[in-house]
Protein backbone atom coordinates (compact mmCIF):
# COMPACT_ATOMS: atom_id res chain seq x y z
CA UNK A 1 10.92 26.02 51.56
CA UNK A 2 13.30 23.06 51.25
CA UNK A 3 16.74 23.49 52.00
CA UNK A 4 19.15 23.96 49.07
CA UNK A 5 20.88 20.62 48.28
CA UNK A 6 24.75 20.71 47.95
CA UNK A 7 25.66 17.24 46.72
CA UNK A 8 29.07 16.33 45.49
CA UNK A 9 32.58 17.75 45.30
CA UNK A 10 34.51 18.96 42.13
CA UNK A 11 36.96 16.45 41.19
CA UNK A 12 37.39 17.53 37.52
CA UNK A 13 36.81 15.52 34.38
CA UNK A 14 35.91 12.30 36.22
CA UNK A 15 32.83 13.59 37.63
CA UNK A 16 31.02 16.91 36.82
CA UNK A 17 29.82 17.51 40.31
CA UNK A 18 27.73 20.28 41.75
CA UNK A 19 30.53 21.38 43.96
CA UNK A 20 32.68 23.56 41.84
CA UNK A 21 35.36 25.35 43.93
CA UNK A 22 35.91 25.73 47.95
CA UNK A 23 34.35 27.43 64.12
CA UNK A 24 34.81 25.46 71.16
CA UNK A 25 31.33 24.15 72.64
CA UNK A 26 33.08 26.22 69.89
CA UNK A 27 35.83 25.34 67.60
CA UNK A 28 37.04 22.38 65.54
CA UNK A 29 39.13 19.25 66.09
CA UNK A 30 42.58 18.55 65.21
CA UNK A 31 43.55 17.72 61.53
CA UNK A 32 45.80 15.16 60.47
CA UNK A 33 48.79 16.53 58.55
CA UNK A 34 51.67 14.74 56.83
CA UNK A 35 54.19 17.25 58.34
CA UNK A 36 55.26 16.20 61.96
CA UNK A 37 57.83 19.01 62.76
CA UNK A 38 57.23 22.68 62.57
CA UNK A 39 58.00 24.62 59.34
CA UNK A 40 59.29 28.13 59.34
CA UNK A 41 56.55 30.73 58.68
CA UNK A 42 55.66 31.57 55.27
CA UNK A 43 55.97 35.30 54.24
CA UNK A 44 52.77 36.33 52.75
CA UNK A 45 52.32 39.37 50.29
CA UNK A 46 49.66 41.32 52.35
CA UNK A 47 47.77 43.84 50.31
CA UNK A 48 48.37 47.69 50.06
CA UNK A 49 45.96 50.06 48.43
CA UNK A 50 46.48 50.25 44.67
CA UNK A 51 44.76 51.01 41.33
CA UNK A 52 42.06 49.01 40.32
CA UNK A 53 40.63 48.24 36.67
CA UNK A 54 41.97 50.44 34.03
CA UNK A 55 40.46 51.65 30.87
CA UNK A 56 41.73 48.35 29.37
CA UNK A 57 39.21 46.43 31.45
CA UNK A 58 40.61 43.74 33.63
CA UNK A 59 43.26 42.52 31.31
CA UNK A 60 46.41 43.93 33.24
CA UNK A 61 45.00 42.50 36.50
CA UNK A 62 44.33 39.06 34.92
CA UNK A 63 47.82 39.09 33.22
CA UNK A 64 49.33 39.47 36.65
CA UNK A 65 47.18 36.76 38.60
CA UNK A 66 46.96 34.00 36.01
CA UNK A 67 50.50 32.98 36.79
CA UNK A 68 49.55 32.83 40.57
CA UNK A 69 46.86 30.02 40.06
CA UNK A 70 47.80 26.51 39.03
CA UNK A 71 46.25 23.39 37.92
CA UNK A 72 46.06 20.36 40.37
CA UNK A 73 45.82 16.78 38.91
CA UNK A 74 45.34 13.87 41.36
CA UNK A 75 44.91 10.22 41.21
CA UNK A 76 44.09 7.55 43.84
CA UNK A 77 43.12 3.87 43.72
CA UNK A 78 39.53 2.96 44.37
CA UNK A 79 38.16 -0.58 44.54
CA UNK A 80 35.46 -1.75 41.97
CA UNK A 81 33.42 -4.84 41.71
CA UNK A 82 33.49 -6.71 38.33
CA UNK A 83 29.82 -5.29 37.73
CA UNK A 84 31.25 -1.77 37.99
CA UNK A 85 34.06 -2.42 35.83
CA UNK A 86 32.00 -3.99 33.09
CA UNK A 87 33.70 -7.53 33.40
CA UNK A 88 31.63 -10.81 33.49
CA UNK A 89 32.15 -12.69 36.75
CA UNK A 90 34.24 -16.10 36.22
CA UNK A 91 32.23 -19.16 35.42
CA UNK A 92 33.40 -22.25 37.09
CA UNK A 93 32.15 -25.97 36.86
CA UNK A 94 29.97 -26.94 39.74
CA UNK A 95 30.44 -30.20 41.65
CA UNK A 96 27.48 -32.50 41.16
CA UNK A 97 26.63 -32.28 44.82
CA UNK A 98 25.83 -28.74 44.96
CA UNK A 99 23.73 -28.73 41.58
CA UNK A 100 20.61 -29.48 43.71
CA UNK A 101 20.96 -26.35 45.27
CA UNK A 102 21.26 -24.14 42.12
CA UNK A 103 18.56 -25.53 39.87
CA UNK A 104 20.63 -28.31 38.35
CA UNK A 105 22.98 -25.76 36.43
CA UNK A 106 26.38 -27.21 35.66
CA UNK A 107 28.10 -23.89 36.40
CA UNK A 108 28.12 -21.26 38.89
CA UNK A 109 29.49 -17.83 39.04
CA UNK A 110 32.41 -17.22 41.36
CA UNK A 111 32.32 -13.78 42.93
CA UNK A 112 35.46 -11.79 42.27
CA UNK A 113 37.36 -9.95 44.60
CA UNK A 114 37.12 -6.13 44.30
CA UNK A 115 39.59 -4.74 41.79
CA UNK A 116 41.53 -1.67 42.28
CA UNK A 117 41.18 1.03 39.64
CA UNK A 118 43.01 4.46 39.39
CA UNK A 119 40.85 7.27 39.38
CA UNK A 120 41.88 10.80 38.23
CA UNK A 121 40.56 14.22 38.93
CA UNK A 122 41.17 17.97 38.50
CA UNK A 123 41.14 21.05 40.50
CA UNK A 124 42.77 24.28 41.09
CA UNK A 125 45.20 26.04 43.44
CA UNK A 126 46.70 29.21 44.40
CA UNK A 127 50.38 29.89 44.93
CA UNK A 128 50.73 31.86 48.30
CA UNK A 129 54.51 31.79 48.50
CA UNK A 130 57.55 32.14 46.12
CA UNK A 131 59.13 28.98 47.60
CA UNK A 132 56.19 26.61 46.48
CA UNK A 133 53.38 26.69 49.24
CA UNK A 134 49.91 26.16 47.32
CA UNK A 135 46.59 26.56 48.93
CA UNK A 136 43.61 24.74 47.76
CA UNK A 137 40.64 22.76 48.82
CA UNK A 138 40.70 19.76 51.09
CA UNK A 139 38.23 17.82 48.63
CA UNK A 140 40.55 18.24 45.76
CA UNK A 141 43.50 16.23 47.25
CA UNK A 142 41.71 14.03 49.86
CA UNK A 143 42.60 10.42 49.49
CA UNK A 144 45.04 11.26 46.56
CA UNK A 145 48.03 8.95 46.10
CA UNK A 146 49.64 11.23 43.75
CA UNK A 147 49.29 14.98 43.24
CA UNK A 148 50.82 16.90 40.20
CA UNK A 149 50.73 20.72 40.07
CA UNK A 150 50.99 22.33 36.62
CA UNK A 151 52.01 26.23 36.47
CA UNK A 152 50.80 28.58 33.85
CA UNK A 153 53.98 28.23 31.99
CA UNK A 154 53.46 24.51 31.70
CA UNK A 155 55.93 23.49 34.24
CA UNK A 156 54.85 20.19 36.14
CA UNK A 157 55.84 19.56 39.71
CA UNK A 158 55.23 16.54 42.16
CA UNK A 159 53.38 17.95 45.13
CA UNK A 160 53.05 16.67 48.62
CA UNK A 161 50.36 17.49 51.19
CA UNK A 162 51.64 19.83 54.09
CA UNK A 163 48.45 19.53 56.14
CA UNK A 164 44.65 19.73 55.68
CA UNK A 165 41.67 21.05 57.46
CA UNK A 166 38.49 19.12 56.47
CA UNK A 167 36.40 21.30 58.80
CA UNK A 168 36.98 24.24 56.70
CA UNK A 169 37.77 22.39 53.32
CA UNK A 170 41.26 23.80 53.23
CA UNK A 171 44.58 22.19 52.32
CA UNK A 172 48.27 23.32 52.06
CA UNK A 173 50.57 21.63 49.31
CA UNK A 174 54.25 22.02 48.76
CA UNK A 175 56.36 21.64 45.44
CA UNK A 176 60.05 22.10 45.06
CA UNK A 177 60.25 25.39 43.26
CA UNK A 178 61.64 28.72 44.03
CA UNK A 179 61.01 32.19 42.54
CA UNK A 180 57.21 31.55 41.88
CA UNK A 181 54.74 34.24 41.58
CA UNK A 182 52.75 34.46 44.65
CA UNK A 183 49.39 36.07 44.95
CA UNK A 184 48.80 39.00 47.15
CA UNK A 185 46.22 38.48 49.89
CA UNK A 186 43.64 41.01 50.63
CA UNK A 187 41.87 41.59 54.12
CA UNK A 188 38.60 39.96 53.59
CA UNK A 189 36.74 41.63 56.13
CA UNK A 190 36.96 44.84 53.89
CA UNK A 191 35.06 43.00 51.07
CA UNK A 192 31.56 44.72 50.48
CA UNK A 193 28.50 43.43 48.46
CA UNK A 194 28.62 44.88 45.12
CA UNK A 195 32.47 44.80 44.77
CA UNK A 196 33.86 43.33 41.60
CA UNK A 197 34.87 39.55 41.87
CA UNK A 198 36.98 37.43 39.30
CA UNK A 199 37.01 33.75 39.72
CA UNK A 200 40.20 32.20 38.23
CA UNK A 201 40.76 28.39 38.01
CA UNK A 202 40.68 25.43 35.55
CA UNK A 203 36.98 24.52 35.08
CA UNK A 204 36.25 21.21 33.55
CA UNK A 205 40.18 20.92 32.70
CA UNK A 206 39.95 23.15 29.74
CA UNK A 207 42.80 25.32 30.81
CA UNK A 208 43.03 28.56 32.54
CA UNK A 209 39.64 30.50 32.74
CA UNK A 210 38.51 33.64 34.17
CA UNK A 211 35.07 34.97 34.91
CA UNK A 212 33.67 38.15 36.27
CA UNK A 213 30.90 39.04 38.58
CA UNK A 214 30.24 40.82 41.86
CA UNK A 215 30.17 39.88 45.47
CA UNK A 216 26.37 38.98 46.04
CA UNK A 217 26.70 38.44 49.78
CA UNK A 218 29.10 37.96 52.70
CA UNK A 219 28.85 35.87 55.91
CA UNK A 220 27.06 33.08 54.38
CA UNK A 221 26.21 30.25 57.03
CA UNK A 222 24.15 27.35 57.64
CA UNK A 223 24.54 26.04 54.12
CA UNK A 224 25.34 22.49 55.10
CA UNK A 225 28.63 22.49 53.06
CA UNK A 226 31.32 22.61 55.70
CA UNK A 227 31.37 22.50 59.49
CA UNK A 228 32.59 26.05 59.61
CA UNK A 229 31.07 28.41 57.26
CA UNK A 230 31.60 32.15 56.56
CA UNK A 231 31.45 32.18 52.85
CA UNK A 232 31.60 34.95 50.30
CA UNK A 233 28.91 34.49 47.74
CA UNK A 234 29.35 35.61 44.17
CA UNK A 235 27.57 35.36 40.90
CA UNK A 236 31.04 35.15 38.98
CA UNK A 237 30.63 31.81 36.83
CA UNK A 238 32.16 28.84 38.96
CA UNK A 239 32.27 25.39 37.58
CA UNK A 240 33.60 21.87 38.36
CA UNK A 241 37.34 22.06 38.37
CA UNK A 242 37.40 25.52 39.86
CA UNK A 243 37.74 24.06 43.30
CA UNK A 244 40.66 25.73 45.15
CA UNK A 245 41.03 28.44 42.54
CA UNK A 246 41.21 32.12 43.33
CA UNK A 247 38.55 34.74 44.03
CA UNK A 248 40.19 38.09 43.48
CA UNK A 249 38.97 41.71 43.67
CA UNK A 250 39.51 44.37 40.89
CA UNK A 251 43.21 44.74 42.14
CA UNK A 252 44.04 41.15 41.53
CA UNK A 253 44.14 40.53 45.43
CA UNK A 254 42.86 37.25 46.72
CA UNK A 255 39.70 37.69 48.87
CA UNK A 256 38.57 33.96 48.67
CA UNK A 257 39.03 30.37 47.76
CA UNK A 258 36.41 29.07 45.43
CA UNK A 259 34.82 26.15 46.94
CA UNK A 260 31.16 25.42 46.10
CA UNK A 261 28.13 26.25 43.91
CA UNK A 262 24.23 25.99 44.23
CA UNK A 263 23.61 23.24 41.62
CA UNK A 264 20.74 23.06 39.26
CA UNK A 265 20.68 19.37 38.85
CA UNK A 266 23.09 19.27 35.92
CA UNK A 267 26.20 20.35 37.58
CA UNK A 268 26.30 23.74 36.00
CA UNK A 269 26.75 27.22 37.04
CA UNK A 270 23.65 29.11 38.31
CA UNK A 271 25.37 32.30 39.49
CA UNK A 272 25.39 31.27 43.18
CA UNK A 273 29.03 30.34 44.12
CA UNK A 274 30.72 30.53 47.39
CA UNK A 275 34.29 31.02 48.44
CA UNK A 276 36.01 30.60 51.71
CA UNK A 277 37.35 34.20 52.80
CA UNK A 278 40.99 34.92 52.70
CA UNK A 279 41.31 35.90 56.35
CA UNK A 280 40.08 32.32 57.39
CA UNK A 281 42.33 30.78 54.80
CA UNK A 282 45.38 32.81 56.04
CA UNK A 283 44.45 31.54 59.69
CA UNK A 284 44.40 27.95 58.60
CA UNK A 285 47.41 28.22 56.30
CA UNK A 286 49.64 29.70 58.97
CA UNK A 287 48.92 26.92 61.40
CA UNK A 288 49.30 24.23 58.69
CA UNK A 289 52.55 25.62 57.54
CA UNK A 290 54.03 26.03 61.15
CA UNK A 291 52.53 22.71 62.77
CA UNK A 292 51.23 20.62 60.05
CA UNK A 293 47.72 20.81 61.84
CA UNK A 294 45.20 23.32 62.88
CA UNK A 295 44.31 23.87 66.76
CA UNK A 296 41.73 26.10 67.62
CA UNK A 297 40.30 27.62 70.84
CA UNK A 298 37.65 26.01 72.98
CA UNK A 299 35.12 27.80 75.04
CA UNK A 300 32.68 25.10 76.14
CA UNK A 301 29.20 25.96 75.51
CA UNK A 302 26.23 25.00 73.10
CA UNK A 303 24.72 27.98 71.74
CA UNK A 304 21.69 29.02 69.76
CA UNK A 305 20.32 32.16 68.06
CA UNK A 306 18.00 34.42 69.71
CA UNK A 307 14.38 34.40 68.56
CA UNK A 308 11.77 37.20 69.35
CA UNK A 309 10.29 34.68 71.61
CA UNK A 310 13.62 33.90 73.45
CA UNK A 311 14.67 37.42 73.52
CA UNK A 312 11.33 38.44 75.31
CA UNK A 313 11.66 35.46 77.78
CA UNK A 314 15.29 36.56 78.83
CA UNK A 315 14.50 40.21 78.75
CA UNK A 316 17.13 40.90 76.00
CA UNK A 317 16.69 44.46 74.74
CA UNK A 318 17.97 43.46 71.28
CA UNK A 319 17.72 40.56 69.05
CA UNK A 320 21.22 39.89 68.73
CA UNK A 321 23.72 37.69 70.57
CA UNK A 322 24.36 34.01 71.29
CA UNK A 323 22.14 32.22 73.88
CA UNK A 324 23.95 29.66 76.04
CA UNK A 325 21.83 26.68 76.16
CA UNK A 326 24.41 24.35 77.79
CA UNK A 327 27.72 24.70 79.51
CA UNK A 328 30.12 21.71 79.24
CA UNK A 329 31.26 20.33 82.54
CA UNK A 330 34.98 21.34 83.39
CA UNK A 331 35.26 23.43 80.31
CA UNK A 332 36.73 27.05 80.33
CA UNK A 333 33.25 28.45 80.36
CA UNK A 334 32.23 26.53 83.48
CA UNK A 335 35.46 27.67 85.18
CA UNK A 336 34.74 31.31 84.21
CA UNK A 337 31.28 31.20 85.63
CA UNK A 338 29.15 31.06 82.44
CA UNK A 339 25.61 29.89 82.77
CA UNK A 340 22.65 28.59 81.04
CA UNK A 341 20.39 31.44 79.77
CA UNK A 342 23.51 33.93 79.37
CA UNK A 343 23.18 35.77 76.02
CA UNK A 344 26.82 36.47 74.97
CA UNK A 345 26.44 39.87 73.07
CA UNK A 346 30.16 40.74 72.86
CA UNK A 347 33.59 39.22 72.38
CA UNK A 348 36.77 41.27 72.76
CA UNK A 349 35.02 44.56 72.21
CA UNK A 350 33.16 43.35 69.19
CA UNK A 351 29.52 42.85 69.02
CA UNK A 352 28.28 39.48 68.40
CA UNK A 353 25.25 39.22 66.21
CA UNK A 354 24.46 35.50 66.27
CA UNK A 355 25.66 32.19 67.30
CA UNK A 356 27.64 31.44 64.33
CA UNK A 357 29.58 34.72 64.48
CA UNK A 358 30.64 33.76 68.03
CA UNK A 359 31.51 30.27 67.01
CA UNK A 360 33.72 31.59 64.12
CA UNK A 361 35.30 34.22 66.24
CA UNK A 362 36.33 31.92 68.93
CA UNK A 363 37.65 29.34 66.34
CA UNK A 364 39.93 31.98 65.03
CA UNK A 365 41.45 32.55 68.33
CA UNK A 366 44.60 30.66 69.66
CA UNK A 367 44.38 28.13 72.53
CA UNK A 368 45.42 29.75 75.71
CA UNK A 369 44.26 33.23 74.92
CA UNK A 370 41.80 35.32 76.69
CA UNK A 371 38.27 35.92 75.64
CA UNK A 372 36.69 39.04 76.97
CA UNK A 373 33.05 38.45 77.09
CA UNK A 374 30.17 40.81 77.50
CA UNK A 375 26.95 38.99 78.67
CA UNK A 376 23.15 39.89 79.16
CA UNK A 377 22.24 38.13 82.51
CA UNK A 378 19.25 38.59 84.62
CA UNK A 379 18.23 41.90 83.05
CA UNK A 380 21.64 43.66 82.89
CA UNK A 381 25.08 43.57 81.00
CA UNK A 382 27.84 41.86 82.68
CA UNK A 383 31.52 41.19 81.72
CA UNK A 384 33.82 38.25 82.23
CA UNK A 385 37.15 36.95 81.10
CA UNK A 386 37.57 33.30 79.80
CA UNK A 387 40.86 31.74 79.26
CA UNK A 388 40.33 29.41 76.36
CA UNK A 389 41.23 25.90 76.13
CA UNK A 390 42.36 23.66 73.22
CA UNK A 391 39.34 22.20 71.43
CA UNK A 392 39.23 18.40 71.96
CA UNK A 393 39.11 16.35 68.80
CA UNK A 394 36.35 13.97 70.13
CA UNK A 395 34.25 16.77 71.43
CA UNK A 396 30.95 17.29 69.23
CA UNK A 397 29.43 20.61 69.69
CA UNK A 398 26.38 21.85 67.96
CA UNK A 399 24.38 24.90 67.75
CA UNK A 400 20.99 23.64 68.81
CA UNK A 401 18.41 25.70 66.95
CA UNK A 402 14.78 24.98 67.54
CA UNK A 403 12.91 25.41 64.40
CA UNK A 404 10.43 28.44 64.24
CA UNK A 405 9.58 28.46 68.19
CA UNK A 406 6.14 29.95 68.79
CA UNK A 407 2.83 29.31 70.05
CA UNK A 408 1.61 27.69 73.35
CA UNK A 409 2.51 24.22 74.72
CA UNK A 410 -0.32 22.11 73.70
CA UNK A 411 -0.71 18.83 72.18
CA UNK A 412 2.49 17.62 74.05
CA UNK A 413 2.41 14.10 75.99
CA UNK A 414 4.90 13.60 78.76
CA UNK A 415 5.85 10.92 81.05
CA UNK A 416 7.92 10.43 84.12
CA UNK A 417 11.62 9.83 83.44
CA UNK A 418 12.32 6.40 84.77
CA UNK A 419 15.69 4.37 84.77
CA UNK A 420 14.43 2.41 81.66
CA UNK A 421 13.78 5.68 79.83
CA UNK A 422 17.09 7.16 80.83
CA UNK A 423 18.98 4.09 79.58
CA UNK A 424 17.09 4.08 76.44
CA UNK A 425 18.07 7.77 75.65
CA UNK A 426 21.54 7.32 76.68
CA UNK A 427 21.35 9.91 79.34
CA UNK A 428 23.40 10.10 82.69
CA UNK A 429 21.70 8.19 85.60
CA UNK A 430 20.93 11.39 87.61
CA UNK A 431 19.07 13.10 84.75
CA UNK A 432 15.77 14.66 86.02
CA UNK A 433 12.78 15.96 84.12
CA UNK A 434 9.86 14.46 82.11
CA UNK A 435 10.26 12.86 78.61
CA UNK A 436 8.24 14.14 75.60
CA UNK A 437 6.53 10.73 74.38
CA UNK A 438 4.13 12.46 71.77
CA UNK A 439 3.44 15.62 69.96
CA UNK A 440 0.21 16.40 68.06
CA UNK A 441 1.38 17.52 64.72
CA UNK A 442 -1.69 19.97 64.27
CA UNK A 443 -0.85 21.67 67.58
CA UNK A 444 1.24 24.86 68.05
CA UNK A 445 3.65 22.72 69.91
CA UNK A 446 4.61 20.94 66.74
CA UNK A 447 6.20 24.32 65.60
CA UNK A 448 7.98 25.02 68.66
CA UNK A 449 11.00 22.81 67.88
CA UNK A 450 10.11 20.46 70.82
CA UNK A 451 10.72 16.80 69.71
CA UNK A 452 9.73 13.45 70.90
CA UNK A 453 12.53 12.10 73.24
CA UNK A 454 13.28 15.59 74.64
CA UNK A 455 13.58 15.81 78.35
CA UNK A 456 11.93 18.96 79.86
CA UNK A 457 14.01 19.82 82.87
CA UNK A 458 12.62 23.31 83.55
CA UNK A 459 9.63 25.52 82.97
CA UNK A 460 10.32 29.19 83.17
CA UNK A 461 13.64 28.46 85.22
CA UNK A 462 11.82 26.16 87.80
CA UNK A 463 13.01 22.65 87.76
CA UNK A 464 10.44 19.82 87.17
CA UNK A 465 11.17 16.23 88.02
CA UNK A 466 7.92 14.58 87.36
CA UNK A 467 4.58 14.84 85.44
CA UNK A 468 2.70 16.56 88.42
CA UNK A 469 5.26 19.30 88.81
CA UNK A 470 5.21 19.75 85.02
CA UNK A 471 1.55 20.28 85.06
CA UNK A 472 1.55 22.73 87.83
CA UNK A 473 4.32 24.82 86.33
CA UNK A 474 2.48 24.89 82.87
CA UNK A 475 -0.76 25.88 84.60
CA UNK A 476 0.84 28.60 86.54
CA UNK A 477 2.81 29.97 83.51
CA UNK A 478 -0.10 29.73 81.04
CA UNK A 479 0.90 30.60 77.44
CA UNK A 480 4.53 30.97 76.08
CA UNK A 481 6.39 28.92 78.52
CA UNK A 482 10.15 28.93 78.35
CA UNK A 483 11.52 25.29 78.61
CA UNK A 484 14.90 24.01 79.32
CA UNK A 485 15.34 20.80 77.33
CA UNK A 486 17.95 18.12 77.36
CA UNK A 487 18.31 16.57 73.81
CA UNK A 488 20.71 13.83 73.65
CA UNK A 489 22.80 14.82 76.54
CA UNK A 490 22.94 18.63 75.58
CA UNK A 491 20.45 21.33 76.69
CA UNK A 492 18.74 24.12 74.86
CA UNK A 493 15.93 26.74 75.37
CA UNK A 494 12.78 26.59 73.63
CA UNK A 495 10.15 29.19 73.85
CA UNK A 496 6.99 27.22 73.35
């Protein structure tokens, strides 16, 4: 089945896109903020248990929350060509000398320089403090030269960007106002599937709108929407212009920031919307308000999910945890002694179910803090401490996931890794192994996740440096070999 397509962002009336609303080996890079000096911390309203919906339905809750959600209008200058603007290119007389090259015409069209055109768009935001801090999506304000915020009582304010985090699609704005109604923020870790959910925003610019549904799922990942994903899914109708608006529970407490929808091709709602959970939003907001940017912890591993084949190969008793495919040289993970093939099954006393959970958990920690890891290594559980670093902005870490690993290693052609191949693949000069030059698409190996250009470095934990060693290792292992593969400079395990 093809992966759902998430195309476009909600920018309001200008384009009715599919995005309605909207962590090192693990972590995310520094963001660019407009504020260079620390600001005082914002005092947030944290939720206390209170009554839910009354016999009047959700009207009392909505009456309280609506003033806490604002409309955001932005404008920016974009360059357009004459053809895009509908204007005809300028016609100029042609010198007789040049007529022979243009079919004898007496005039030619002079290309016009790109023109600047102001583009306007709409979105939503949530007031998070009485003194004018507003939470919204980064894609609502990205590239804007002017941002205006309109409150529910029709007061209009000029807003400035305090800081943004494109990796999670969050941004914090500031307006010069006091005594604003600030939303109460819930602990999103308590959100359960089946809870009531109200989506509040300004869809299509028609004005404040409330829609109702339930929480359809939590912890949604691998959607390809953001670099760091831990979405709450809801069937509360969400539409273009709701970006940055509030997803609240039946007590009117913020549980998420509306961000995206699954489109149907027309940009309309299909009952599958996604919101950034409030706990992640609070973490990002605190850092932006204090420092104007976000910094996150850095572990220094590339990780992948355990498959049944990989779990069997490493003797893992359960199908949970994050398998370490590679350890970055000089990283906190290497200094703490983490190894390729370790399965991280716990962090600070909490069980780790998969690679995304580990990635998000580390990203929520502060640089310099200590991560207490529980590992599965060589048939037994071990514990280790890692002092986390600061995620480098230029580091690209990926969760390397082989697709559907299974079957025997058949139909694979390999060659010795010579200097020319090493240079062509952009690998370090001391890289050893055999390079995959071909895979029979009808063979089981085609489904293993192995790719042309991969460098096989180990077979069942035994190093191979040439084709002869590779052949001997494969014959000795037989079916279901465990391969350590170097792919574009990072290693991962494949159960072939």
